[in-house]
Amino acid sequence: MIRLVALLLVFGLSTTFVMAQKVFSVEYESRADVKVFVVDYESRADLLVYKQDYESRAGDNDGNWFFVEYESRADKKIFFVDYESRADVKIFFVDYESRAGWKNKEKIHFFF
């Protein structure tokens, strides 16, 4: 019994701190965990994002995103807003994996 409780506690704590990088783009703002806006310039972004081709390459809250096909497979559901002022996080898509990462660490909590 004690082992079962300990196992559940460890599993519960580990899932609480999952760092989301498998994302799903939802159609409705009300279904999103995070609202994002794509900026035109890297200097205006909170997060530089690199789109990974393989799920296994998704990062640990480091800007390496993999877009999943099904909502249930995502760590975070995002909604792309039309106006910068409506966004929780401003992102810029980069061409190289090495460029991905947080520029504004104050926003990092949105993807925990």
C-alpha atoms as a PDB file:
ATOM      1  CA  MET A   1       0.000   0.000   0.000  1.00  0.00           C
ATOM      2  CA  ILE A   2       2.773   2.422   0.917  1.00  0.00           C
ATOM      3  CA  ARG A   3       4.591   1.578  -2.322  1.00  0.00           C
ATOM      4  CA  LEU A   4       1.457   2.311  -4.312  1.00  0.00           C
ATOM      5  CA  VAL A   5       0.997   5.691  -2.609  1.00  0.00           C
ATOM      6  CA  ALA A   6       4.679   6.533  -3.154  1.00  0.00           C
ATOM      7  CA  LEU A   7       4.454   5.538  -6.823  1.00  0.00           C
ATOM      8  CA  LEU A   8       1.336   7.639  -7.348  1.00  0.00           C
ATOM      9  CA  LEU A   9       2.946  10.596  -5.601  1.00  0.00           C
ATOM     10  CA  VAL A  10       6.105  10.394  -7.737  1.00  0.00           C
ATOM     11  CA  PHE A  11       4.074   9.986 -10.930  1.00  0.00           C
ATOM     12  CA  GLY A  12       1.796  12.864  -9.979  1.00  0.00           C
ATOM     13  CA  LEU A  13       4.696  15.189  -9.259  1.00  0.00           C
ATOM     14  CA  SER A  14       6.514  14.264 -12.450  1.00  0.00           C
ATOM     15  CA  THR A  15       3.487  15.002 -14.612  1.00  0.00           C
ATOM     16  CA  THR A  16       2.920  18.318 -12.880  1.00  0.00           C
ATOM     17  CA  PHE A  17       6.267  19.592 -14.122  1.00  0.00           C
ATOM     18  CA  VAL A  18       6.079  18.391 -17.724  1.00  0.00           C
ATOM     19  CA  MET A  19       7.661  20.997 -19.932  1.00  0.00           C
ATOM     20  CA  ALA A  20       5.386  21.318 -22.895  1.00  0.00           C
ATOM     21  CA  GLN A  21       6.752  21.356 -26.392  1.00  0.00           C
ATOM     22  CA  LYS A  22       4.286  19.132 -28.226  1.00  0.00           C
ATOM     23  CA  VAL A  23       1.685  21.642 -29.301  1.00  0.00           C
ATOM     24  CA  PHE A  24      -1.686  21.563 -31.003  1.00  0.00           C
ATOM     25  CA  SER A  25      -3.202  24.578 -32.696  1.00  0.00           C
ATOM     26  CA  VAL A  26      -6.864  24.861 -31.681  1.00  0.00           C
ATOM     27  CA  GLU A  27      -9.563  26.587 -33.723  1.00  0.00           C
ATOM     28  CA  TYR A  28     -11.157  28.476 -30.843  1.00  0.00           C
ATOM     29  CA  GLU A  29      -9.483  30.808 -28.377  1.00  0.00           C
ATOM     30  CA  SER A  30     -11.557  29.422 -25.509  1.00  0.00           C
ATOM     31  CA  ARG A  31      -9.986  25.960 -25.987  1.00  0.00           C
ATOM     32  CA  ALA A  32      -6.394  27.212 -25.763  1.00  0.00           C
ATOM     33  CA  ASP A  33      -3.957  26.976 -22.882  1.00  0.00           C
ATOM     34  CA  VAL A  34      -1.821  29.731 -24.370  1.00  0.00           C
ATOM     35  CA  LYS A  35      -2.578  32.502 -26.858  1.00  0.00           C
ATOM     36  CA  VAL A  36       0.342  33.247 -29.190  1.00  0.00           C
ATOM     37  CA  PHE A  37       1.064  35.924 -31.742  1.00  0.00           C
ATOM     38  CA  VAL A  38       3.649  35.551 -34.494  1.00  0.00           C
ATOM     39  CA  VAL A  39       5.738  38.720 -34.731  1.00  0.00           C
ATOM     40  CA  ASP A  40       7.501  39.951 -37.862  1.00  0.00           C
ATOM     41  CA  TYR A  41      10.840  40.583 -36.204  1.00  0.00           C
ATOM     42  CA  GLU A  42      12.943  38.357 -33.966  1.00  0.00           C
ATOM     43  CA  SER A  43      13.711  41.292 -31.682  1.00  0.00           C
ATOM     44  CA  ARG A  44      10.011  41.624 -30.742  1.00  0.00           C
ATOM     45  CA  ALA A  45       9.571  37.970 -29.714  1.00  0.00           C
ATOM     46  CA  ASP A  46       9.359  36.433 -26.256  1.00  0.00           C
ATOM     47  CA  LEU A  47      10.185  33.011 -27.660  1.00  0.00           C
ATOM     48  CA  LEU A  48      12.080  31.908 -30.754  1.00  0.00           C
ATOM     49  CA  VAL A  49      10.467  28.728 -32.087  1.00  0.00           C
ATOM     50  CA  TYR A  50      11.905  26.049 -34.332  1.00  0.00           C
ATOM     51  CA  LYS A  51       9.417  23.589 -35.845  1.00  0.00           C
ATOM     52  CA  GLN A  52      10.729  20.064 -35.418  1.00  0.00           C
ATOM     53  CA  ASP A  53       9.972  17.380 -38.012  1.00  0.00           C
ATOM     54  CA  TYR A  54       9.865  14.534 -35.503  1.00  0.00           C
ATOM     55  CA  GLU A  55       7.996  14.218 -32.212  1.00  0.00           C
ATOM     56  CA  SER A  56      11.029  12.715 -30.512  1.00  0.00           C
ATOM     57  CA  ARG A  57      12.934  15.962 -31.173  1.00  0.00           C
ATOM     58  CA  ALA A  58      10.464  18.143 -29.262  1.00  0.00           C
ATOM     59  CA  GLY A  59      12.305  20.134 -26.631  1.00  0.00           C
ATOM     60  CA  ASP A  60      11.961  20.760 -22.923  1.00  0.00           C
ATOM     61  CA  ASN A  61      10.467  24.246 -22.976  1.00  0.00           C
ATOM     62  CA  ASP A  62      13.336  25.471 -25.139  1.00  0.00           C
ATOM     63  CA  GLY A  63      11.439  26.554 -28.250  1.00  0.00           C
ATOM     64  CA  ASN A  64      11.709  23.277 -30.147  1.00  0.00           C
ATOM     65  CA  TRP A  65       8.081  22.580 -31.017  1.00  0.00           C
ATOM     66  CA  PHE A  66       6.448  19.640 -32.662  1.00  0.00           C
ATOM     67  CA  PHE A  67       2.903  20.197 -33.902  1.00  0.00           C
ATOM     68  CA  VAL A  68       0.827  17.091 -33.182  1.00  0.00           C
ATOM     69  CA  GLU A  69      -2.162  16.048 -35.273  1.00  0.00           C
ATOM     70  CA  TYR A  70      -4.453  15.302 -32.357  1.00  0.00           C
ATOM     71  CA  GLU A  71      -5.341  17.537 -29.433  1.00  0.00           C
ATOM     72  CA  SER A  72      -5.052  14.636 -27.006  1.00  0.00           C
ATOM     73  CA  ARG A  73      -1.348  14.169 -27.907  1.00  0.00           C
ATOM     74  CA  ALA A  74      -0.408  17.764 -27.090  1.00  0.00           C
ATOM     75  CA  ASP A  75       1.266  19.060 -23.967  1.00  0.00           C
ATOM     76  CA  LYS A  76      -0.152  22.523 -24.677  1.00  0.00           C
ATOM     77  CA  LYS A  77      -2.976  23.769 -26.846  1.00  0.00           C
ATOM     78  CA  ILE A  78      -2.228  27.078 -28.515  1.00  0.00           C
ATOM     79  CA  PHE A  79      -4.352  29.599 -30.357  1.00  0.00           C
ATOM     80  CA  PHE A  80      -2.868  32.042 -32.841  1.00  0.00           C
ATOM     81  CA  VAL A  81      -4.383  35.463 -32.154  1.00  0.00           C
ATOM     82  CA  ASP A  82      -4.683  38.228 -34.752  1.00  0.00           C
ATOM     83  CA  TYR A  83      -3.499  41.030 -32.503  1.00  0.00           C
ATOM     84  CA  GLU A  84      -0.295  41.269 -30.489  1.00  0.00           C
ATOM     85  CA  SER A  85      -2.136  42.815 -27.550  1.00  0.00           C
ATOM     86  CA  ARG A  86      -4.278  39.670 -27.165  1.00  0.00           C
ATOM     87  CA  ALA A  87      -1.298  37.306 -26.874  1.00  0.00           C
ATOM     88  CA  ASP A  88       0.156  35.663 -23.796  1.00  0.00           C
ATOM     89  CA  VAL A  89       3.395  34.978 -25.658  1.00  0.00           C
ATOM     90  CA  LYS A  90       4.873  36.532 -28.804  1.00  0.00           C
ATOM     91  CA  ILE A  91       6.790  34.064 -30.967  1.00  0.00           C
ATOM     92  CA  PHE A  92       9.042  34.203 -33.997  1.00  0.00           C
ATOM     93  CA  PHE A  93       9.750  31.126 -36.124  1.00  0.00           C
ATOM     94  CA  VAL A  94      13.456  30.573 -36.777  1.00  0.00           C
ATOM     95  CA  ASP A  95      15.129  28.549 -39.521  1.00  0.00           C
ATOM     96  CA  TYR A  96      17.732  26.863 -37.341  1.00  0.00           C
ATOM     97  CA  GLU A  97      17.281  24.705 -34.247  1.00  0.00           C
ATOM     98  CA  SER A  98      20.245  26.363 -32.555  1.00  0.00           C
ATOM     99  CA  ARG A  99      18.427  29.739 -32.631  1.00  0.00           C
ATOM    100  CA  ALA A 100      15.395  28.496 -30.654  1.00  0.00           C
ATOM    101  CA  GLY A 101      14.905  29.630 -27.076  1.00  0.00           C
ATOM    102  CA  TRP A 102      13.421  32.104 -24.659  1.00  0.00           C
ATOM    103  CA  LYS A 103      14.252  35.780 -24.995  1.00  0.00           C
ATOM    104  CA  ASN A 104      11.822  36.870 -22.281  1.00  0.00           C
ATOM    105  CA  LYS A 105      12.105  34.419 -19.379  1.00  0.00           C
ATOM    106  CA  GLU A 106       9.182  36.142 -17.597  1.00  0.00           C
ATOM    107  CA  LYS A 107       6.850  34.327 -20.009  1.00  0.00           C
ATOM    108  CA  ILE A 108       8.378  30.855 -19.606  1.00  0.00           C
ATOM    109  CA  HIS A 109       5.683  29.785 -17.133  1.00  0.00           C
ATOM    110  CA  PHE A 110       3.057  29.679 -19.907  1.00  0.00           C
ATOM    111  CA  PHE A 111       4.631  26.478 -21.243  1.00  0.00           C
ATOM    112  CA  PHE A 112       5.089  24.595 -17.974  1.00  0.00           C
END
